[in-house]
Every structure is written in C-alpha cells, then in structure tokens.
Amino acid sequence: MNVTVVSSLDGFCRQQACAALAADSPGALVVFHDLLEDGLVIRRIFRDGTRIDRDESLLEHGCLSCTVRLHVVPTLGGLLEQGSHIILGLPPAVASATAVDALLKGLGASVTVDSAVLACTPDAVEDQIWDHHTLFESGFTPVASDDRTPGEFLIGELAFSDTVLLADPALVPVDPDARERGMQLIRELAPHARVTTGDGGIRPGRHDPSEATARTRPGSVRVPARSCSPFSTVVQRIERPLHPERFRHALAALAEGCCWLRGRLWMASAPDCRIAIEGIGPRVWLENTGPWQADRTSRPSMPPETGPDSALDWHPEFGDRGTVLAVTGDEADAAEVAALLTACELSEAEMLSGTAPFPDPFGLNHPTETSQRSTS
C-alpha cells in the first residue's frame, strides 16, 4: 500500500491539498483524522469525493502522538486490503516524521510512504514563522501542553517534506505580492522540495527516508544552490572553538531579523560536545547532541562513512569539530555574520592556554544530552 502523508497547520489547507491529490489519483482512499477538545477524535474516509466512513472516539490522553499511534496507524492497517493508495490527511500540527515513523513501526513493509507533503498558504508562512505564540495559543491545536510555535512546526515540515503544495483557502482575498514573497521564502527554506499548486497535474516529490532524516538532524545545514530574492542564506564556517561569553553577546545580533538560524557550534566551554543551534523566528535554542564524530572513530584523521555534514566539513586536524552556521533572511549580511563569528573565535593565546576554564552561560557542559531555549 502506497501512502501519501499530508501535514498542515490548519484543516483548510489540508482539505484543499488532499482534494487536489485525490483528483490526480482516482480510486485512492482519502483518510482524515481530527483531534478536537477533550480528546475527541473524528475519522473520515472518502473515495472519489464520497464519504464512505465516519467514526468518533475519545482518547484518555488527548495528545497528537496518541492520536497517531492509537487511531491513525490502526485505521490504515484496516484499509490495507481496500486499495493500493491512501492519501493521509494528518491532524493539524502533527509532524510528518511522527506519522511516518509510527506507520513504519506499526505496519512495517506493508506500507510504502511515497511522498511527504506539506500543505500551506504561501502568503501566511512568513507571519507564521514569526508568531511567538504556541500552537495552542494560536488555535492550531487543542493540546494546551504543546509549546511549539507555528514557525517550529513549519520549519520542521519544510525540512522533512519532499513536496510543498501551495493552498489558497477562500477565506480572505489573496495578496499577489505577499503570495509571491511567500513562495520565494519557501523555496529558500526548502530547496530540496518540489513546490507545486493544486491546479491539476500535480507531480509530488519522492520520499527518501535517509535524506529526510539527515535534513532534520539537529545541527544539519542544507542551503539552496541559488538564493531566491529577496531572501538569501549566508553560511559561515569557523575552525577554532568559540568563546562562550563572546558568542552569547553576539547571538542576538546574529538572530535579529533572521527567519531561520541553524547549524552546529564548537564551544570552548564544552569542547567535546557537538552543540546544535536553531533559531526560528523569535525563538533561539542550543542543544548538546553528544560527542563529535571525531571522538567516536579510531582514525580521527579520516572522515567517517556516516553523515554527509561530517564528511563535507572534515578538517585534517580537528575532524568534524568546528562551527558551521547558516542564516536565512531578507537582510542576511555575509560580512556582518563573518565579523560577528570571527570575533567569537578563540585567539592563538587562548588556544595555547589549553586547560583554562571557560564560563558556561548556556549550561551545555554536561555529559548527558541537554537543551536550552531562550528568546531573542
């Protein structure tokens, strides 16, 4: 059974995207799940525009992951003999990666995810990235404990999905300039994805599990071969460790006006730890992802066979240790980013001091994985 997974922030975009995909796949089953207040889950199944099933049930714990595990997976398991293609419209704000992982674990080789599609309204994407409210506060999910922002959801989906289907629900008039700007931003943020409309003749991309996982790994950096004006992406590499206090002071300037900040840091306060950094709209956080690949291999002078980021940025002396930072925005200044990061780099004297203690303002110097979020 081939499954096309459709994620979205809202049900209107999802509905329009699934209808467009179904129009190109006659006979396909279209399955919707919605999580409402108090743990109520509504399931609807359509074929060729006709509803053939509807069901309601209550979840004891009304969370999105429980909806996927206890309802979405069993539903698809029961439909395996009823067709060759399912278009799965996930509950709004459910990550495709969560659904794909649950489907493969629960149903194994009986399902093949052929495409992961993000349905979104292009003229709303930039505002959603900068929305400082949580998904619950902005009305995208009934789960009050979900502290993700709309931007965090969208950036995660843009990285994981192979297709972005542009939807324009007839709720408000479309601003052509805002729509064009949103399309350019989407192309800048997801250069790997096939961006398409629902006007017929949809050619979705193909889901590659290993590539999707690599793109969404904390600290991963993927950039477009050519920027999509007015947006651009600046990538800066620094070989030496960063002084933590100097980086703390530079962080606000690096993140200011930036839609997406991501990469990995070599911090002098935690030199044995690969620190991932991500900033989406108004939120910036750092995460200790464990030791560098150079510390896991018996031949540190040779790049490992695992991980394209490590192999591409391998240094003959430092291995994969180093800082790689990508900044995406409409005012990304390469010279400014370079100057800010270079000023954070340890000097020759600081490098020679060897064991000199460094402050740990981010609380990252721990042997176990930790993470810290801060708003800038």
Protein backbone atom coordinates (compact mmCIF):
# COMPACT_ATOMS: atom_id res chain seq x y z
CA MET A 1 0.00 0.00 0.00
CA ASN A 2 1.39 3.39 -1.04
CA VAL A 3 0.69 6.22 1.39
CA THR A 4 0.94 9.94 0.70
CA VAL A 5 1.24 11.78 4.02
CA VAL A 6 -0.16 15.34 4.13
CA SER A 7 0.69 17.64 7.03
CA SER A 8 -0.56 21.17 7.66
CA LEU A 9 -1.11 23.84 10.24
CA ASP A 10 -4.83 24.05 9.57
CA GLY A 11 -7.64 21.90 8.24
CA PHE A 12 -8.48 24.21 5.34
CA CYS A 13 -5.07 23.84 3.68
CA ARG A 14 -5.10 20.12 4.37
CA GLN A 15 -8.56 19.69 2.85
CA GLN A 16 -7.64 21.56 -0.32
CA ALA A 17 -4.34 19.71 -0.71
CA CYS A 18 -5.90 16.28 -0.22
CA ALA A 19 -8.68 17.09 -2.69
CA ALA A 20 -6.11 18.12 -5.31
CA LEU A 21 -4.05 14.97 -4.74
CA ALA A 22 -7.18 12.79 -4.90
CA ALA A 23 -8.22 14.37 -8.20
CA ASP A 24 -4.95 13.10 -9.68
CA SER A 25 -5.39 9.62 -8.14
CA PRO A 26 -8.86 8.24 -8.99
CA GLY A 27 -9.92 5.47 -6.62
CA ALA A 28 -7.50 6.48 -3.88
CA LEU A 29 -8.75 6.45 -0.30
CA VAL A 30 -8.56 9.81 1.47
CA VAL A 31 -8.34 9.47 5.25
CA PHE A 32 -8.72 12.40 7.67
CA HIS A 33 -8.22 12.41 11.43
CA ASP A 34 -9.02 15.41 13.59
CA LEU A 35 -8.27 15.83 17.28
CA LEU A 36 -10.77 18.14 18.99
CA GLU A 37 -11.15 19.34 22.57
CA ASP A 38 -11.43 16.84 25.42
CA GLY A 39 -9.68 14.13 23.40
CA LEU A 40 -12.40 13.66 20.78
CA VAL A 41 -11.01 12.09 17.60
CA ILE A 42 -13.05 12.22 14.40
CA ARG A 43 -12.13 9.98 11.49
CA ARG A 44 -13.49 10.38 7.95
CA ILE A 45 -12.73 8.26 4.89
CA PHE A 46 -13.53 9.29 1.31
CA ARG A 47 -13.20 7.69 -2.10
CA ASP A 48 -13.68 9.76 -5.28
CA GLY A 49 -15.30 12.56 -3.27
CA THR A 50 -17.84 10.34 -1.49
CA ARG A 51 -17.63 9.75 2.23
CA ILE A 52 -17.67 6.03 2.94
CA ASP A 53 -16.98 6.05 6.67
CA ARG A 54 -17.10 8.31 9.73
CA ASP A 55 -16.20 7.49 13.31
CA GLU A 56 -15.84 9.28 16.64
CA SER A 57 -13.91 8.09 19.69
CA LEU A 58 -12.42 9.50 22.87
CA LEU A 59 -8.76 9.44 23.88
CA GLU A 60 -7.92 9.18 27.55
CA HIS A 61 -4.85 11.31 26.88
CA GLY A 62 -5.73 13.75 24.13
CA CYS A 63 -2.32 14.32 22.58
CA LEU A 64 -1.23 14.33 18.96
CA SER A 65 1.18 11.39 19.25
CA CYS A 66 -1.54 9.26 20.88
CA THR A 67 -3.88 10.15 18.01
CA VAL A 68 -1.32 8.87 15.52
CA ARG A 69 -0.41 5.73 17.45
CA LEU A 70 -3.89 4.70 18.60
CA HIS A 71 -6.03 5.86 15.67
CA VAL A 72 -4.12 6.71 12.51
CA VAL A 73 -1.96 3.56 12.41
CA PRO A 74 -4.80 1.09 13.20
CA THR A 75 -7.05 2.80 10.64
CA LEU A 76 -4.52 2.36 7.86
CA GLY A 77 -3.86 -1.19 8.98
CA GLY A 78 -7.53 -1.96 8.46
CA LEU A 79 -7.53 -0.44 4.98
CA LEU A 80 -4.59 -2.35 3.53
CA GLU A 81 -6.85 -4.69 1.55
CA GLN A 82 -9.14 -1.97 0.24
CA GLY A 83 -6.91 -0.25 -2.27
CA SER A 84 -3.41 0.48 -3.44
CA HIS A 85 -3.12 4.15 -2.50
CA ILE A 86 -4.07 6.13 0.61
CA ILE A 87 -3.87 9.90 0.94
CA LEU A 88 -3.49 10.50 4.67
CA GLY A 89 -4.52 13.94 5.93
CA LEU A 90 -2.91 14.25 9.35
CA PRO A 91 -4.49 16.22 12.19
CA PRO A 92 -3.27 19.83 12.01
CA ALA A 93 0.14 20.35 13.65
CA VAL A 94 1.07 16.64 13.55
CA ALA A 95 4.59 16.30 12.17
CA SER A 96 5.00 14.06 9.14
CA ALA A 97 8.09 12.49 10.71
CA THR A 98 6.00 11.37 13.68
CA ALA A 99 3.38 9.78 11.43
CA VAL A 100 5.87 8.14 9.06
CA ASP A 101 7.84 6.65 11.94
CA ALA A 102 4.65 5.29 13.57
CA LEU A 103 3.38 3.82 10.29
CA LEU A 104 6.62 2.03 9.51
CA LYS A 105 6.93 0.70 13.06
CA GLY A 106 3.30 -0.36 13.24
CA LEU A 107 2.72 -1.69 9.74
CA GLY A 108 6.23 -2.46 8.50
CA ALA A 109 6.74 -3.47 4.88
CA SER A 110 3.01 -3.48 4.16
CA VAL A 111 3.14 0.30 3.62
CA THR A 112 5.38 2.49 1.48
CA VAL A 113 5.41 6.22 2.07
CA ASP A 114 5.71 7.59 -1.45
CA SER A 115 5.59 11.29 -0.57
CA ALA A 116 5.50 13.60 2.44
CA VAL A 117 3.53 16.73 1.52
CA LEU A 118 3.27 19.98 3.44
CA ALA A 119 0.13 21.97 2.66
CA CYS A 120 0.44 25.66 3.43
CA THR A 121 -0.72 29.12 2.41
CA PRO A 122 2.35 30.91 0.99
CA ASP A 123 1.33 34.44 1.92
CA ALA A 124 0.91 33.38 5.58
CA VAL A 125 4.17 31.46 6.01
CA GLU A 126 6.41 34.39 6.99
CA ASP A 127 3.97 35.69 9.61
CA GLN A 128 3.55 32.16 10.98
CA ILE A 129 7.31 31.76 11.30
CA TRP A 130 7.46 34.97 13.35
CA ASP A 131 4.43 34.10 15.51
CA HIS A 132 5.72 33.99 19.11
CA HIS A 133 2.62 32.23 20.42
CA THR A 134 2.42 28.46 20.88
CA LEU A 135 0.40 26.29 18.51
CA PHE A 136 -2.28 26.08 21.20
CA GLU A 137 -2.35 29.83 21.80
CA SER A 138 -2.66 30.47 18.05
CA GLY A 139 -5.54 28.00 17.75
CA PHE A 140 -3.80 25.34 15.65
CA THR A 141 -4.14 22.54 18.20
CA PRO A 142 -6.40 21.76 21.19
CA VAL A 143 -3.40 20.42 23.15
CA ALA A 144 -2.56 23.07 25.73
CA SER A 145 0.75 21.42 26.65
CA ASP A 146 2.12 21.71 23.09
CA ASP A 147 4.65 24.53 23.43
CA ARG A 148 5.88 24.51 19.83
CA THR A 149 5.38 27.68 17.82
CA PRO A 150 3.83 27.69 14.34
CA GLY A 151 7.27 28.50 12.97
CA GLU A 152 8.86 25.49 14.63
CA PHE A 153 6.25 23.24 13.07
CA LEU A 154 6.62 24.78 9.61
CA ILE A 155 10.42 24.72 9.52
CA GLY A 156 10.42 21.10 10.66
CA GLU A 157 7.92 20.16 7.96
CA LEU A 158 9.75 22.11 5.26
CA ALA A 159 12.93 20.21 6.13
CA PHE A 160 11.29 16.77 6.23
CA SER A 161 8.80 17.03 3.37
CA ASP A 162 9.69 16.34 -0.24
CA THR A 163 6.73 18.34 -1.57
CA VAL A 164 5.13 21.67 -0.66
CA LEU A 165 1.60 22.04 -2.00
CA LEU A 166 0.51 25.67 -2.05
CA ALA A 167 -3.07 26.09 -0.91
CA ASP A 168 -5.22 29.20 -1.02
CA PRO A 169 -8.37 28.53 1.01
CA ALA A 170 -11.04 31.05 0.03
CA LEU A 171 -11.11 32.72 3.45
CA VAL A 172 -9.52 36.08 2.65
CA PRO A 173 -8.54 37.70 -0.66
CA VAL A 174 -5.08 36.66 -1.85
CA ASP A 175 -2.42 39.37 -1.99
CA PRO A 176 -0.37 38.52 -5.13
CA ASP A 177 2.77 40.25 -3.83
CA ALA A 178 2.58 38.54 -0.44
CA ARG A 179 1.95 35.21 -2.15
CA GLU A 180 4.99 35.63 -4.40
CA ARG A 181 7.15 36.63 -1.43
CA GLY A 182 5.93 33.58 0.49
CA MET A 183 6.72 31.28 -2.42
CA GLN A 184 10.26 32.65 -2.62
CA LEU A 185 10.71 32.14 1.13
CA ILE A 186 9.51 28.54 0.87
CA ARG A 187 11.97 27.85 -1.94
CA GLU A 188 14.79 29.38 0.10
CA LEU A 189 13.94 27.34 3.19
CA ALA A 190 13.28 24.05 1.36
CA PRO A 191 15.49 23.92 -1.76
CA HIS A 192 15.13 20.13 -1.90
CA ALA A 193 11.34 20.17 -2.10
CA ARG A 194 9.11 20.23 -5.14
CA VAL A 195 6.85 23.28 -4.78
CA THR A 196 3.55 22.89 -6.60
CA THR A 197 -0.02 24.16 -6.70
CA GLY A 198 -3.26 22.23 -6.68
CA ASP A 199 -4.28 23.35 -10.18
CA GLY A 200 -4.08 19.87 -11.68
CA GLY A 201 -1.22 17.77 -12.93
CA ILE A 202 0.46 17.57 -9.51
CA ARG A 203 3.84 15.86 -9.56
CA PRO A 204 4.79 15.27 -5.93
CA GLY A 205 8.35 14.56 -4.92
CA ARG A 206 9.55 11.18 -3.69
CA HIS A 207 10.09 10.41 -0.04
CA ASP A 208 13.66 9.32 0.77
CA PRO A 209 13.74 8.25 4.45
CA SER A 210 17.50 8.59 4.91
CA GLU A 211 17.63 12.02 3.24
CA ALA A 212 14.63 13.29 5.21
CA THR A 213 16.23 12.12 8.45
CA ALA A 214 19.57 13.72 7.56
CA ARG A 215 17.91 17.05 6.73
CA THR A 216 16.11 17.18 10.08
CA ARG A 217 19.03 16.11 12.26
CA PRO A 218 19.84 18.86 14.81
CA GLY A 219 22.83 20.83 13.57
CA SER A 220 22.36 19.86 9.92
CA VAL A 221 22.88 22.59 7.32
CA ARG A 222 21.31 22.43 3.86
CA VAL A 223 21.34 25.53 1.68
CA PRO A 224 19.98 26.37 -1.79
CA ALA A 225 22.38 26.39 -4.72
CA ARG A 226 20.95 29.77 -5.69
CA SER A 227 19.11 32.20 -3.43
CA CYS A 228 15.51 33.21 -4.05
CA SER A 229 15.35 37.02 -3.93
CA PRO A 230 14.57 38.89 -1.71
CA PHE A 231 15.75 36.10 0.62
CA SER A 232 19.25 34.71 0.90
CA THR A 233 21.21 32.28 3.04
CA VAL A 234 24.64 33.05 4.44
CA VAL A 235 26.88 30.17 5.60
CA GLN A 236 29.87 30.86 7.84
CA ARG A 237 32.49 28.33 8.99
CA ILE A 238 34.86 28.84 11.91
CA GLU A 239 37.68 26.35 12.60
CA ARG A 240 38.58 27.20 16.19
CA PRO A 241 36.27 26.87 19.22
CA LEU A 242 34.05 29.81 20.13
CA HIS A 243 34.42 31.76 23.36
CA PRO A 244 31.05 31.20 25.08
CA GLU A 245 30.65 34.68 26.58
CA ARG A 246 31.58 36.44 23.36
CA PHE A 247 29.17 34.19 21.46
CA ARG A 248 26.40 34.90 23.98
CA HIS A 249 26.74 38.60 23.30
CA ALA A 250 26.86 38.09 19.51
CA LEU A 251 23.86 35.75 19.39
CA ALA A 252 21.19 38.46 19.47
CA ALA A 253 22.80 40.27 16.52
CA LEU A 254 23.14 37.01 14.57
CA ALA A 255 19.48 36.11 15.09
CA GLU A 256 17.98 39.57 14.58
CA GLY A 257 15.67 39.65 11.55
CA CYS A 258 16.58 36.06 10.70
CA CYS A 259 13.80 33.67 9.66
CA TRP A 260 15.93 30.61 10.25
CA LEU A 261 19.26 30.24 12.03
CA ARG A 262 20.76 26.74 12.22
CA GLY A 263 24.00 24.84 12.44
CA ARG A 264 26.46 23.37 14.90
CA LEU A 265 28.88 25.03 17.29
CA TRP A 266 32.27 24.12 18.76
CA MET A 267 32.11 25.83 22.14
CA ALA A 268 35.21 26.23 24.28
CA SER A 269 33.09 25.60 27.38
CA ALA A 270 32.05 22.16 26.04
CA PRO A 271 34.76 21.22 23.51
CA ASP A 272 33.90 17.52 23.41
CA CYS A 273 30.24 18.19 22.60
CA ARG A 274 28.60 18.89 19.27
CA ILE A 275 26.23 21.77 20.05
CA ALA A 276 23.31 22.23 17.69
CA ILE A 277 21.79 25.69 17.38
CA GLU A 278 18.46 26.59 15.86
CA GLY A 279 16.59 29.84 15.70
CA ILE A 280 13.14 30.05 14.16
CA GLY A 281 11.51 33.46 14.14
CA PRO A 282 11.61 34.80 17.71
CA ARG A 283 12.97 31.63 19.35
CA VAL A 284 16.59 30.51 19.58
CA TRP A 285 17.86 27.41 21.38
CA LEU A 286 21.02 25.37 21.79
CA GLU A 287 21.21 21.62 22.29
CA ASN A 288 24.02 19.31 23.30
CA THR A 289 23.75 16.43 20.79
CA GLY A 290 26.63 14.38 22.22
CA PRO A 291 30.25 13.83 21.14
CA TRP A 292 31.69 14.77 17.78
CA GLN A 293 32.20 12.04 15.19
CA ALA A 294 35.95 12.60 15.54
CA ASP A 295 35.70 11.40 19.13
CA ARG A 296 33.83 8.25 18.08
CA THR A 297 36.25 6.98 15.45
CA SER A 298 39.58 5.20 15.93
CA ARG A 299 41.06 7.12 12.98
CA PRO A 300 40.30 10.79 13.69
CA SER A 301 42.32 11.95 10.68
CA MET A 302 39.86 10.25 8.31
CA PRO A 303 36.25 11.32 7.77
CA PRO A 304 33.63 8.78 8.90
CA GLU A 305 31.37 6.98 6.48
CA THR A 306 28.25 8.18 8.32
CA GLY A 307 26.82 11.66 7.96
CA PRO A 308 27.28 13.97 4.97
CA ASP A 309 27.82 17.02 7.20
CA SER A 310 30.76 15.41 8.98
CA ALA A 311 32.33 14.20 5.75
CA LEU A 312 31.95 17.51 3.90
CA ASP A 313 33.35 19.63 6.74
CA TRP A 314 36.10 17.25 7.87
CA HIS A 315 39.31 19.00 8.99
CA PRO A 316 42.63 17.09 8.92
CA GLU A 317 43.44 18.22 12.48
CA PHE A 318 40.08 18.85 14.13
CA GLY A 319 37.93 16.28 12.31
CA ASP A 320 34.28 17.38 12.23
CA ARG A 321 34.82 19.73 15.18
CA GLY A 322 34.11 23.28 14.16
CA THR A 323 31.34 25.81 13.77
CA VAL A 324 29.04 25.88 10.77
CA LEU A 325 26.24 28.43 10.91
CA ALA A 326 23.60 29.23 8.28
CA VAL A 327 21.50 32.40 8.44
CA THR A 328 18.41 32.82 6.23
CA GLY A 329 16.53 36.10 5.94
CA ASP A 330 15.82 39.01 3.64
CA GLU A 331 18.64 41.09 5.13
CA ALA A 332 21.30 38.42 5.67
CA ASP A 333 24.68 40.19 5.54
CA ALA A 334 27.60 37.84 4.88
CA ALA A 335 30.22 40.34 6.06
CA GLU A 336 28.36 41.04 9.31
CA VAL A 337 27.87 37.34 10.07
CA ALA A 338 31.55 36.66 9.37
CA ALA A 339 32.69 39.53 11.58
CA LEU A 340 30.44 38.52 14.47
CA LEU A 341 31.55 34.88 14.45
CA THR A 342 35.23 35.62 13.85
CA ALA A 343 35.21 37.88 16.91
CA CYS A 344 33.95 34.91 18.96
CA GLU A 345 36.75 32.58 17.81
CA LEU A 346 39.43 31.76 20.35
CA SER A 347 42.69 33.60 19.85
CA GLU A 348 46.03 31.83 19.46
CA ALA A 349 46.83 32.64 23.09
CA GLU A 350 43.51 31.25 24.28
CA MET A 351 44.08 28.08 22.27
CA LEU A 352 47.56 27.65 23.79
CA SER A 353 46.21 28.10 27.32
CA GLY A 354 44.81 24.59 26.93
CA THR A 355 43.02 23.87 30.19
CA ALA A 356 41.89 27.41 31.01
CA PRO A 357 38.32 27.23 32.33
CA PHE A 358 35.64 28.97 30.29
CA PRO A 359 32.28 30.18 31.52
CA ASP A 360 29.26 28.08 30.53
CA PRO A 361 26.44 30.63 30.12
CA PHE A 362 24.25 28.19 28.17
CA GLY A 363 24.57 25.30 30.64
CA LEU A 364 25.85 22.93 27.94
CA ASN A 365 28.91 21.42 29.59
CA HIS A 366 27.24 18.20 30.75
CA PRO A 367 27.95 14.57 29.80
CA THR A 368 24.26 13.90 29.10
CA GLU A 369 22.15 15.48 26.41
CA THR A 370 20.63 18.78 27.47
CA SER A 371 18.86 21.57 25.73
CA GLN A 372 18.09 25.18 26.49
CA ARG A 373 15.73 27.55 24.84
CA SER A 374 15.95 31.30 25.01
CA THR A 375 14.04 34.05 23.25
CA SER A 376 15.98 36.71 21.40
